[in-house]
Amino acid sequence: IVATILRIPSAEGRHKAFSTCVSHLTVVVVHYGFASVIYLKP
């Protein structure tokens, strides 16, 4: 996705494409961040 967005010529187009992913990406970071603390703790 990032590789494709970087090839979009306009800044507005890049922002519009990435904005559709922000909420999902944020939830993924929260979900796997806490999961990694539980399953990968020393």
PDB file of all heavy atoms in Angstrom:
ATOM      1  N   ILE A   1       0.837  -1.203   0.000  1.00  0.00           N
ATOM      2  CA  ILE A   1       0.000   0.000   0.000  1.00  0.00           C
ATOM      3  C   ILE A   1       0.874   1.256   0.000  1.00  0.00           C
ATOM      4  O   ILE A   1       0.644   2.192  -0.779  1.00  0.00           O
ATOM      5  CB  ILE A   1      -0.945  -0.011   1.220  1.00  0.00           C
ATOM      6  CG1 ILE A   1      -2.057  -1.049   1.019  1.00  0.00           C
ATOM      7  CG2 ILE A   1      -1.546   1.367   1.460  1.00  0.00           C
ATOM      8  CD1 ILE A   1      -2.903  -1.296   2.252  1.00  0.00           C
ATOM      9  N   VAL A   2       1.890   1.275   0.866  1.00  0.00           N
ATOM     10  CA  VAL A   2       2.776   2.444   0.935  1.00  0.00           C
ATOM     11  C   VAL A   2       3.508   2.648  -0.384  1.00  0.00           C
ATOM     12  O   VAL A   2       3.624   3.781  -0.877  1.00  0.00           O
ATOM     13  CB  VAL A   2       3.781   2.274   2.097  1.00  0.00           C
ATOM     14  CG1 VAL A   2       4.864   3.352   2.028  1.00  0.00           C
ATOM     15  CG2 VAL A   2       3.064   2.341   3.437  1.00  0.00           C
ATOM     16  N   ALA A   3       3.983   1.549  -0.981  1.00  0.00           N
ATOM     17  CA  ALA A   3       4.688   1.655  -2.270  1.00  0.00           C
ATOM     18  C   ALA A   3       3.763   2.222  -3.344  1.00  0.00           C
ATOM     19  O   ALA A   3       4.192   3.048  -4.171  1.00  0.00           O
ATOM     20  CB  ALA A   3       5.205   0.279  -2.690  1.00  0.00           C
ATOM     21  N   THR A   4       2.511   1.810  -3.338  1.00  0.00           N
ATOM     22  CA  THR A   4       1.544   2.307  -4.325  1.00  0.00           C
ATOM     23  C   THR A   4       1.205   3.765  -4.066  1.00  0.00           C
ATOM     24  O   THR A   4       1.124   4.580  -5.002  1.00  0.00           O
ATOM     25  CB  THR A   4       0.254   1.458  -4.287  1.00  0.00           C
ATOM     26  OG1 THR A   4       0.578   0.099  -4.576  1.00  0.00           O
ATOM     27  CG2 THR A   4      -0.761   1.966  -5.292  1.00  0.00           C
ATOM     28  N   ILE A   5       1.000   4.141  -2.793  1.00  0.00           N
ATOM     29  CA  ILE A   5       0.647   5.524  -2.459  1.00  0.00           C
ATOM     30  C   ILE A   5       1.769   6.482  -2.847  1.00  0.00           C
ATOM     31  O   ILE A   5       1.520   7.601  -3.332  1.00  0.00           O
ATOM     32  CB  ILE A   5       0.313   5.636  -0.954  1.00  0.00           C
ATOM     33  CG1 ILE A   5      -1.026   4.952  -0.657  1.00  0.00           C
ATOM     34  CG2 ILE A   5       0.269   7.098  -0.515  1.00  0.00           C
ATOM     35  CD1 ILE A   5      -1.399   4.915   0.810  1.00  0.00           C
ATOM     36  N   LEU A   6       3.015   6.074  -2.647  1.00  0.00           N
ATOM     37  CA  LEU A   6       4.148   6.945  -2.982  1.00  0.00           C
ATOM     38  C   LEU A   6       4.249   7.214  -4.480  1.00  0.00           C
ATOM     39  O   LEU A   6       4.873   8.203  -4.890  1.00  0.00           O
ATOM     40  CB  LEU A   6       5.449   6.321  -2.470  1.00  0.00           C
ATOM     41  CG  LEU A   6       5.617   6.278  -0.948  1.00  0.00           C
ATOM     42  CD1 LEU A   6       6.901   5.569  -0.568  1.00  0.00           C
ATOM     43  CD2 LEU A   6       5.596   7.691  -0.358  1.00  0.00           C
ATOM     44  N   ARG A   7       3.642   6.346  -5.278  1.00  0.00           N
ATOM     45  CA  ARG A   7       3.661   6.558  -6.739  1.00  0.00           C
ATOM     46  C   ARG A   7       2.527   7.462  -7.209  1.00  0.00           C
ATOM     47  O   ARG A   7       2.476   7.820  -8.393  1.00  0.00           O
ATOM     48  CB  ARG A   7       3.576   5.205  -7.454  1.00  0.00           C
ATOM     49  CG  ARG A   7       4.839   4.354  -7.317  1.00  0.00           C
ATOM     50  CD  ARG A   7       4.890   3.261  -8.371  1.00  0.00           C
ATOM     51  NE  ARG A   7       3.802   2.294  -8.181  1.00  0.00           N
ATOM     52  CZ  ARG A   7       3.909   1.171  -7.466  1.00  0.00           C
ATOM     53  NH1 ARG A   7       5.060   0.891  -6.855  1.00  0.00           N
ATOM     54  NH2 ARG A   7       2.904   0.343  -7.360  1.00  0.00           N
ATOM     55  N   ILE A   8       1.606   7.820  -6.325  1.00  0.00           N
ATOM     56  CA  ILE A   8       0.523   8.738  -6.702  1.00  0.00           C
ATOM     57  C   ILE A   8       1.106  10.146  -6.822  1.00  0.00           C
ATOM     58  O   ILE A   8       1.746  10.647  -5.886  1.00  0.00           O
ATOM     59  CB  ILE A   8      -0.603   8.712  -5.644  1.00  0.00           C
ATOM     60  CG1 ILE A   8      -1.220   7.310  -5.564  1.00  0.00           C
ATOM     61  CG2 ILE A   8      -1.682   9.741  -5.974  1.00  0.00           C
ATOM     62  CD1 ILE A   8      -2.260   7.147  -4.477  1.00  0.00           C
ATOM     63  N   PRO A   9       0.911  10.828  -7.957  1.00  0.00           N
ATOM     64  CA  PRO A   9       1.599  12.106  -8.183  1.00  0.00           C
ATOM     65  C   PRO A   9       1.137  13.244  -7.277  1.00  0.00           C
ATOM     66  O   PRO A   9       1.948  14.057  -6.837  1.00  0.00           O
ATOM     67  CB  PRO A   9       1.284  12.421  -9.655  1.00  0.00           C
ATOM     68  CG  PRO A   9       0.069  11.610  -9.977  1.00  0.00           C
ATOM     69  CD  PRO A   9       0.138  10.385  -9.131  1.00  0.00           C
ATOM     70  N   SER A  10      -0.153  13.330  -6.973  1.00  0.00           N
ATOM     71  CA  SER A  10      -0.657  14.473  -6.209  1.00  0.00           C
ATOM     72  C   SER A  10      -0.668  14.185  -4.718  1.00  0.00           C
ATOM     73  O   SER A  10      -0.940  13.058  -4.277  1.00  0.00           O
ATOM     74  CB  SER A  10      -2.069  14.837  -6.668  1.00  0.00           C
ATOM     75  OG  SER A  10      -2.982  13.820  -6.319  1.00  0.00           O
ATOM     76  N   ALA A  11      -0.388  15.226  -3.924  1.00  0.00           N
ATOM     77  CA  ALA A  11      -0.428  15.089  -2.469  1.00  0.00           C
ATOM     78  C   ALA A  11      -1.845  14.801  -1.989  1.00  0.00           C
ATOM     79  O   ALA A  11      -2.055  14.040  -1.034  1.00  0.00           O
ATOM     80  CB  ALA A  11       0.096  16.364  -1.811  1.00  0.00           C
ATOM     81  N   GLU A  12      -2.826  15.406  -2.657  1.00  0.00           N
ATOM     82  CA  GLU A  12      -4.220  15.179  -2.286  1.00  0.00           C
ATOM     83  C   GLU A  12      -4.619  13.722  -2.516  1.00  0.00           C
ATOM     84  O   GLU A  12      -5.315  13.113  -1.690  1.00  0.00           O
ATOM     85  CB  GLU A  12      -5.132  16.099  -3.092  1.00  0.00           C
ATOM     86  CG  GLU A  12      -6.601  15.974  -2.715  1.00  0.00           C
ATOM     87  CD  GLU A  12      -7.484  16.872  -3.577  1.00  0.00           C
ATOM     88  OE1 GLU A  12      -6.943  17.686  -4.360  1.00  0.00           O
ATOM     89  OE2 GLU A  12      -8.720  16.763  -3.454  1.00  0.00           O
ATOM     90  N   GLY A  13      -4.157  13.158  -3.618  1.00  0.00           N
ATOM     91  CA  GLY A  13      -4.451  11.753  -3.912  1.00  0.00           C
ATOM     92  C   GLY A  13      -3.802  10.819  -2.906  1.00  0.00           C
ATOM     93  O   GLY A  13      -4.417   9.832  -2.484  1.00  0.00           O
ATOM     94  N   ARG A  14      -2.556  11.138  -2.521  1.00  0.00           N
ATOM     95  CA  ARG A  14      -1.873  10.301  -1.520  1.00  0.00           C
ATOM     96  C   ARG A  14      -2.595  10.361  -0.180  1.00  0.00           C
ATOM     97  O   ARG A  14      -2.771   9.343   0.490  1.00  0.00           O
ATOM     98  CB  ARG A  14      -0.407  10.754  -1.372  1.00  0.00           C
ATOM     99  CG  ARG A  14       0.469  10.452  -2.577  1.00  0.00           C
ATOM    100  CD  ARG A  14       1.944  10.620  -2.242  1.00  0.00           C
ATOM    101  NE  ARG A  14       2.265  12.008  -1.912  1.00  0.00           N
ATOM    102  CZ  ARG A  14       2.642  12.923  -2.808  1.00  0.00           C
ATOM    103  NH1 ARG A  14       2.733  12.590  -4.090  1.00  0.00           N
ATOM    104  NH2 ARG A  14       2.930  14.150  -2.429  1.00  0.00           N
ATOM    105  N   HIS A  15      -3.003  11.578   0.200  1.00  0.00           N
ATOM    106  CA  HIS A  15      -3.710  11.736   1.481  1.00  0.00           C
ATOM    107  C   HIS A  15      -5.040  11.001   1.469  1.00  0.00           C
ATOM    108  O   HIS A  15      -5.415  10.342   2.457  1.00  0.00           O
ATOM    109  CB  HIS A  15      -3.929  13.219   1.766  1.00  0.00           C
ATOM    110  CG  HIS A  15      -4.666  13.479   3.042  1.00  0.00           C
ATOM    111  ND1 HIS A  15      -6.042  13.633   3.097  1.00  0.00           N
ATOM    112  CD2 HIS A  15      -4.226  13.596   4.327  1.00  0.00           C
ATOM    113  CE1 HIS A  15      -6.423  13.830   4.346  1.00  0.00           C
ATOM    114  NE2 HIS A  15      -5.347  13.819   5.115  1.00  0.00           N
ATOM    115  N   LYS A  16      -5.767  11.108   0.367  1.00  0.00           N
ATOM    116  CA  LYS A  16      -7.069  10.451   0.267  1.00  0.00           C
ATOM    117  C   LYS A  16      -6.927   8.932   0.345  1.00  0.00           C
ATOM    118  O   LYS A  16      -7.721   8.249   1.021  1.00  0.00           O
ATOM    119  CB  LYS A  16      -7.754  10.845  -1.040  1.00  0.00           C
ATOM    120  CG  LYS A  16      -9.169  10.301  -1.189  1.00  0.00           C
ATOM    121  CD  LYS A  16      -9.797  10.783  -2.475  1.00  0.00           C
ATOM    122  CE  LYS A  16     -11.215  10.207  -2.631  1.00  0.00           C
ATOM    123  NZ  LYS A  16     -11.837  10.656  -3.902  1.00  0.00           N
ATOM    124  N   ALA A  17      -5.912   8.392  -0.315  1.00  0.00           N
ATOM    125  CA  ALA A  17      -5.704   6.939  -0.295  1.00  0.00           C
ATOM    126  C   ALA A  17      -5.312   6.454   1.091  1.00  0.00           C
ATOM    127  O   ALA A  17      -5.838   5.450   1.581  1.00  0.00           O
ATOM    128  CB  ALA A  17      -4.628   6.555  -1.314  1.00  0.00           C
ATOM    129  N   PHE A  18      -4.396   7.195   1.726  1.00  0.00           N
ATOM    130  CA  PHE A  18      -3.925   6.745   3.046  1.00  0.00           C
ATOM    131  C   PHE A  18      -4.986   6.928   4.123  1.00  0.00           C
ATOM    132  O   PHE A  18      -5.031   6.165   5.098  1.00  0.00           O
ATOM    133  CB  PHE A  18      -2.652   7.507   3.436  1.00  0.00           C
ATOM    134  CG  PHE A  18      -2.014   6.985   4.693  1.00  0.00           C
ATOM    135  CD1 PHE A  18      -1.387   5.746   4.698  1.00  0.00           C
ATOM    136  CD2 PHE A  18      -2.056   7.716   5.873  1.00  0.00           C
ATOM    137  CE1 PHE A  18      -0.802   5.249   5.857  1.00  0.00           C
ATOM    138  CE2 PHE A  18      -1.476   7.227   7.031  1.00  0.00           C
ATOM    139  CZ  PHE A  18      -0.842   5.991   7.022  1.00  0.00           C
ATOM    140  N   SER A  19      -5.863   7.926   3.961  1.00  0.00           N
ATOM    141  CA  SER A  19      -6.880   8.196   4.986  1.00  0.00           C
ATOM    142  C   SER A  19      -7.851   7.038   5.137  1.00  0.00           C
ATOM    143  O   SER A  19      -8.458   6.875   6.208  1.00  0.00           O
ATOM    144  CB  SER A  19      -7.652   9.478   4.641  1.00  0.00           C
ATOM    145  OG  SER A  19      -8.384   9.314   3.431  1.00  0.00           O
ATOM    146  N   THR A  20      -8.016   6.220   4.089  1.00  0.00           N
ATOM    147  CA  THR A  20      -8.920   5.062   4.194  1.00  0.00           C
ATOM    148  C   THR A  20      -8.318   3.941   5.039  1.00  0.00           C
ATOM    149  O   THR A  20      -9.020   2.999   5.403  1.00  0.00           O
ATOM    150  CB  THR A  20      -9.259   4.506   2.797  1.00  0.00           C
ATOM    151  OG1 THR A  20      -8.056   4.009   2.175  1.00  0.00           O
ATOM    152  CG2 THR A  20      -9.886   5.568   1.907  1.00  0.00           C
ATOM    153  N   CYS A  21      -7.019   4.054   5.348  1.00  0.00           N
ATOM    154  CA  CYS A  21      -6.326   2.994   6.098  1.00  0.00           C
ATOM    155  C   CYS A  21      -6.029   3.369   7.548  1.00  0.00           C
ATOM    156  O   CYS A  21      -5.654   2.492   8.336  1.00  0.00           O
ATOM    157  CB  CYS A  21      -4.990   2.658   5.419  1.00  0.00           C
ATOM    158  SG  CYS A  21      -5.100   2.238   3.682  1.00  0.00           S
ATOM    159  N   VAL A  22      -6.181   4.653   7.892  1.00  0.00           N
ATOM    160  CA  VAL A  22      -5.688   5.131   9.185  1.00  0.00           C
ATOM    161  C   VAL A  22      -6.361   4.424  10.347  1.00  0.00           C
ATOM    162  O   VAL A  22      -5.685   3.969  11.293  1.00  0.00           O
ATOM    163  CB  VAL A  22      -5.889   6.661   9.294  1.00  0.00           C
ATOM    164  CG1 VAL A  22      -5.576   7.136  10.709  1.00  0.00           C
ATOM    165  CG2 VAL A  22      -5.000   7.373   8.297  1.00  0.00           C
ATOM    166  N   SER A  23      -7.690   4.320  10.319  1.00  0.00           N
ATOM    167  CA  SER A  23      -8.399   3.720  11.459  1.00  0.00           C
ATOM    168  C   SER A  23      -8.016   2.252  11.634  1.00  0.00           C
ATOM    169  O   SER A  23      -7.750   1.799  12.756  1.00  0.00           O
ATOM    170  CB  SER A  23      -9.910   3.851  11.274  1.00  0.00           C
ATOM    171  OG  SER A  23     -10.335   3.245  10.064  1.00  0.00           O
ATOM    172  N   HIS A  24      -7.948   1.508  10.515  1.00  0.00           N
ATOM    173  CA  HIS A  24      -7.575   0.099  10.595  1.00  0.00           C
ATOM    174  C   HIS A  24      -6.151  -0.055  11.101  1.00  0.00           C
ATOM    175  O   HIS A  24      -5.875  -0.888  11.983  1.00  0.00           O
ATOM    176  CB  HIS A  24      -7.713  -0.569   9.225  1.00  0.00           C
ATOM    177  CG  HIS A  24      -7.186  -1.966   9.178  1.00  0.00           C
ATOM    178  ND1 HIS A  24      -5.957  -2.271   8.608  1.00  0.00           N
ATOM    179  CD2 HIS A  24      -7.685  -3.139   9.647  1.00  0.00           C
ATOM    180  CE1 HIS A  24      -5.743  -3.570   8.721  1.00  0.00           C
ATOM    181  NE2 HIS A  24      -6.768  -4.120   9.340  1.00  0.00           N
ATOM    182  N   LEU A  25      -5.240   0.749  10.585  1.00  0.00           N
ATOM    183  CA  LEU A  25      -3.835   0.656  10.983  1.00  0.00           C
ATOM    184  C   LEU A  25      -3.666   0.991  12.462  1.00  0.00           C
ATOM    185  O   LEU A  25      -2.879   0.345  13.174  1.00  0.00           O
ATOM    186  CB  LEU A  25      -3.001   1.601  10.123  1.00  0.00           C
ATOM    187  CG  LEU A  25      -1.480   1.508  10.262  1.00  0.00           C
ATOM    188  CD1 LEU A  25      -0.988   0.102   9.962  1.00  0.00           C
ATOM    189  CD2 LEU A  25      -0.797   2.514   9.347  1.00  0.00           C
ATOM    190  N   THR A  26      -4.412   1.967  12.953  1.00  0.00           N
ATOM    191  CA  THR A  26      -4.327   2.338  14.367  1.00  0.00           C
ATOM    192  C   THR A  26      -4.803   1.196  15.261  1.00  0.00           C
ATOM    193  O   THR A  26      -4.165   0.870  16.278  1.00  0.00           O
ATOM    194  CB  THR A  26      -5.169   3.598  14.644  1.00  0.00           C
ATOM    195  OG1 THR A  26      -4.777   4.646  13.754  1.00  0.00           O
ATOM    196  CG2 THR A  26      -4.994   4.070  16.087  1.00  0.00           C
ATOM    197  N   VAL A  27      -5.926   0.568  14.895  1.00  0.00           N
ATOM    198  CA  VAL A  27      -6.447  -0.562  15.676  1.00  0.00           C
ATOM    199  C   VAL A  27      -5.463  -1.731  15.641  1.00  0.00           C
ATOM    200  O   VAL A  27      -5.264  -2.416  16.653  1.00  0.00           O
ATOM    201  CB  VAL A  27      -7.833  -0.995  15.145  1.00  0.00           C
ATOM    202  CG1 VAL A  27      -8.267  -2.314  15.774  1.00  0.00           C
ATOM    203  CG2 VAL A  27      -8.863   0.082  15.451  1.00  0.00           C
ATOM    204  N   VAL A  28      -4.844  -1.966  14.499  1.00  0.00           N
ATOM    205  CA  VAL A  28      -3.852  -3.045  14.383  1.00  0.00           C
ATOM    206  C   VAL A  28      -2.680  -2.794  15.332  1.00  0.00           C
ATOM    207  O   VAL A  28      -2.222  -3.707  16.034  1.00  0.00           O
ATOM    208  CB  VAL A  28      -3.350  -3.161  12.924  1.00  0.00           C
ATOM    209  CG1 VAL A  28      -2.094  -4.023  12.850  1.00  0.00           C
ATOM    210  CG2 VAL A  28      -4.433  -3.761  12.038  1.00  0.00           C
ATOM    211  N   VAL A  29      -2.187  -1.562  15.368  1.00  0.00           N
ATOM    212  CA  VAL A  29      -1.057  -1.228  16.242  1.00  0.00           C
ATOM    213  C   VAL A  29      -1.435  -1.452  17.706  1.00  0.00           C
ATOM    214  O   VAL A  29      -0.666  -2.042  18.481  1.00  0.00           O
ATOM    215  CB  VAL A  29      -0.614   0.231  16.012  1.00  0.00           C
ATOM    216  CG1 VAL A  29       0.388   0.658  17.084  1.00  0.00           C
ATOM    217  CG2 VAL A  29      -0.001   0.382  14.627  1.00  0.00           C
ATOM    218  N   VAL A  30      -2.637  -1.005  18.096  1.00  0.00           N
ATOM    219  CA  VAL A  30      -3.092  -1.186  19.481  1.00  0.00           C
ATOM    220  C   VAL A  30      -3.253  -2.670  19.792  1.00  0.00           C
ATOM    221  O   VAL A  30      -2.779  -3.172  20.827  1.00  0.00           O
ATOM    222  CB  VAL A  30      -4.425  -0.437  19.713  1.00  0.00           C
ATOM    223  CG1 VAL A  30      -5.015  -0.797  21.079  1.00  0.00           C
ATOM    224  CG2 VAL A  30      -4.214   1.066  19.613  1.00  0.00           C
ATOM    225  N   HIS A  31      -3.926  -3.406  18.897  1.00  0.00           N
ATOM    226  CA  HIS A  31      -4.213  -4.828  19.109  1.00  0.00           C
ATOM    227  C   HIS A  31      -2.931  -5.649  19.242  1.00  0.00           C
ATOM    228  O   HIS A  31      -2.753  -6.389  20.214  1.00  0.00           O
ATOM    229  CB  HIS A  31      -5.058  -5.346  17.946  1.00  0.00           C
ATOM    230  CG  HIS A  31      -5.368  -6.811  18.026  1.00  0.00           C
ATOM    231  ND1 HIS A  31      -6.352  -7.327  18.834  1.00  0.00           N
ATOM    232  CD2 HIS A  31      -4.820  -7.884  17.385  1.00  0.00           C
ATOM    233  CE1 HIS A  31      -6.405  -8.642  18.697  1.00  0.00           C
ATOM    234  NE2 HIS A  31      -5.488  -9.001  17.820  1.00  0.00           N
ATOM    235  N   TYR A  32      -2.030  -5.496  18.279  1.00  0.00           N
ATOM    236  CA  TYR A  32      -0.811  -6.303  18.290  1.00  0.00           C
ATOM    237  C   TYR A  32       0.213  -5.761  19.281  1.00  0.00           C
ATOM    238  O   TYR A  32       1.088  -6.506  19.738  1.00  0.00           O
ATOM    239  CB  TYR A  32      -0.221  -6.398  16.885  1.00  0.00           C
ATOM    240  CG  TYR A  32      -0.993  -7.363  16.026  1.00  0.00           C
ATOM    241  CD1 TYR A  32      -1.925  -6.901  15.110  1.00  0.00           C
ATOM    242  CD2 TYR A  32      -0.829  -8.732  16.161  1.00  0.00           C
ATOM    243  CE1 TYR A  32      -2.663  -7.780  14.342  1.00  0.00           C
ATOM    244  CE2 TYR A  32      -1.553  -9.625  15.394  1.00  0.00           C
ATOM    245  CZ  TYR A  32      -2.473  -9.145  14.487  1.00  0.00           C
ATOM    246  OH  TYR A  32      -3.219 -10.023  13.727  1.00  0.00           O
ATOM    247  N   GLY A  33       0.121  -4.474  19.605  1.00  0.00           N
ATOM    248  CA  GLY A  33       1.011  -3.933  20.626  1.00  0.00           C
ATOM    249  C   GLY A  33       0.771  -4.578  21.974  1.00  0.00           C
ATOM    250  O   GLY A  33       1.700  -5.054  22.639  1.00  0.00           O
ATOM    251  N   PHE A  34      -0.507  -4.653  22.382  1.00  0.00           N
ATOM    252  CA  PHE A  34      -0.838  -5.295  23.648  1.00  0.00           C
ATOM    253  C   PHE A  34      -0.621  -6.808  23.576  1.00  0.00           C
ATOM    254  O   PHE A  34      -0.183  -7.428  24.547  1.00  0.00           O
ATOM    255  CB  PHE A  34      -2.284  -4.989  24.046  1.00  0.00           C
ATOM    256  CG  PHE A  34      -2.491  -3.589  24.554  1.00  0.00           C
ATOM    257  CD1 PHE A  34      -3.544  -2.811  24.103  1.00  0.00           C
ATOM    258  CD2 PHE A  34      -1.622  -3.044  25.493  1.00  0.00           C
ATOM    259  CE1 PHE A  34      -3.735  -1.519  24.590  1.00  0.00           C
ATOM    260  CE2 PHE A  34      -1.806  -1.755  25.979  1.00  0.00           C
ATOM    261  CZ  PHE A  34      -2.865  -0.988  25.520  1.00  0.00           C
ATOM    262  N   ALA A  35      -0.944  -7.416  22.428  1.00  0.00           N
ATOM    263  CA  ALA A  35      -0.758  -8.867  22.290  1.00  0.00           C
ATOM    264  C   ALA A  35       0.718  -9.241  22.392  1.00  0.00           C
ATOM    265  O   ALA A  35       1.070 -10.260  23.001  1.00  0.00           O
ATOM    266  CB  ALA A  35      -1.329  -9.348  20.959  1.00  0.00           C
ATOM    267  N   SER A  36       1.600  -8.415  21.820  1.00  0.00           N
ATOM    268  CA  SER A  36       3.036  -8.714  21.877  1.00  0.00           C
ATOM    269  C   SER A  36       3.559  -8.634  23.307  1.00  0.00           C
ATOM    270  O   SER A  36       4.444  -9.395  23.696  1.00  0.00           O
ATOM    271  CB  SER A  36       3.817  -7.751  20.978  1.00  0.00           C
ATOM    272  OG  SER A  36       3.692  -6.413  21.450  1.00  0.00           O
ATOM    273  N   VAL A  37       3.001  -7.711  24.094  1.00  0.00           N
ATOM    274  CA  VAL A  37       3.413  -7.602  25.496  1.00  0.00           C
ATOM    275  C   VAL A  37       3.064  -8.888  26.249  1.00  0.00           C
ATOM    276  O   VAL A  37       3.821  -9.358  27.106  1.00  0.00           O
ATOM    277  CB  VAL A  37       2.734  -6.388  26.163  1.00  0.00           C
ATOM    278  CG1 VAL A  37       2.954  -6.400  27.668  1.00  0.00           C
ATOM    279  CG2 VAL A  37       3.271  -5.094  25.571  1.00  0.00           C
ATOM    280  N   ILE A  38       1.926  -9.488  25.893  1.00  0.00           N
ATOM    281  CA  ILE A  38       1.476 -10.686  26.595  1.00  0.00           C
ATOM    282  C   ILE A  38       2.249 -11.916  26.139  1.00  0.00           C
ATOM    283  O   ILE A  38       2.779 -12.687  26.943  1.00  0.00           O
ATOM    284  CB  ILE A  38      -0.036 -10.909  26.358  1.00  0.00           C
ATOM    285  CG1 ILE A  38      -0.820  -9.678  26.812  1.00  0.00           C
ATOM    286  CG2 ILE A  38      -0.516 -12.162  27.078  1.00  0.00           C
ATOM    287  CD1 ILE A  38      -0.573  -9.256  28.229  1.00  0.00           C
ATOM    288  N   TYR A  39       2.340 -12.122  24.821  1.00  0.00           N
ATOM    289  CA  TYR A  39       2.883 -13.383  24.298  1.00  0.00           C
ATOM    290  C   TYR A  39       4.396 -13.366  24.108  1.00  0.00           C
ATOM    291  O   TYR A  39       5.022 -14.418  24.058  1.00  0.00           O
ATOM    292  CB  TYR A  39       2.208 -13.727  22.965  1.00  0.00           C
ATOM    293  CG  TYR A  39       0.783 -14.194  23.130  1.00  0.00           C
ATOM    294  CD1 TYR A  39      -0.281 -13.335  22.884  1.00  0.00           C
ATOM    295  CD2 TYR A  39       0.489 -15.491  23.551  1.00  0.00           C
ATOM    296  CE1 TYR A  39      -1.599 -13.751  23.048  1.00  0.00           C
ATOM    297  CE2 TYR A  39      -0.824 -15.911  23.722  1.00  0.00           C
ATOM    298  CZ  TYR A  39      -1.855 -15.041  23.458  1.00  0.00           C
ATOM    299  OH  TYR A  39      -3.150 -15.455  23.624  1.00  0.00           O
ATOM    300  N   LEU A  40       4.981 -12.178  23.976  1.00  0.00           N
ATOM    301  CA  LEU A  40       6.411 -12.104  23.701  1.00  0.00           C
ATOM    302  C   LEU A  40       7.204 -11.538  24.873  1.00  0.00           C
ATOM    303  O   LEU A  40       8.370 -11.194  24.709  1.00  0.00           O
ATOM    304  CB  LEU A  40       6.659 -11.237  22.451  1.00  0.00           C
ATOM    305  CG  LEU A  40       5.982 -11.721  21.161  1.00  0.00           C
ATOM    306  CD1 LEU A  40       6.297 -10.765  20.018  1.00  0.00           C
ATOM    307  CD2 LEU A  40       6.416 -13.146  20.811  1.00  0.00           C
ATOM    308  N   LYS A  41       6.574 -11.444  26.061  1.00  0.00           N
ATOM    309  CA  LYS A  41       7.303 -10.915  27.207  1.00  0.00           C
ATOM    310  C   LYS A  41       8.391 -11.905  27.623  1.00  0.00           C
ATOM    311  O   LYS A  41       8.225 -13.123  27.496  1.00  0.00           O
ATOM    312  CB  LYS A  41       6.347 -10.637  28.374  1.00  0.00           C
ATOM    313  CG  LYS A  41       5.653 -11.853  28.931  1.00  0.00           C
ATOM    314  CD  LYS A  41       4.681 -11.455  30.040  1.00  0.00           C
ATOM    315  CE  LYS A  41       3.949 -12.683  30.587  1.00  0.00           C
ATOM    316  NZ  LYS A  41       2.982 -12.326  31.630  1.00  0.00           N
ATOM    317  N   PRO A  42       9.527 -11.410  28.119  1.00  0.00           N
ATOM    318  CA  PRO A  42      10.626 -12.309  28.496  1.00  0.00           C
ATOM    319  C   PRO A  42      10.245 -13.204  29.656  1.00  0.00           C
ATOM    320  O   PRO A  42       9.480 -12.817  30.541  1.00  0.00           O
ATOM    321  CB  PRO A  42      11.757 -11.344  28.882  1.00  0.00           C
ATOM    322  CG  PRO A  42      11.061 -10.066  29.238  1.00  0.00           C
ATOM    323  CD  PRO A  42       9.856 -10.000  28.350  1.00  0.00           C
TER     324      PRO A  42
END
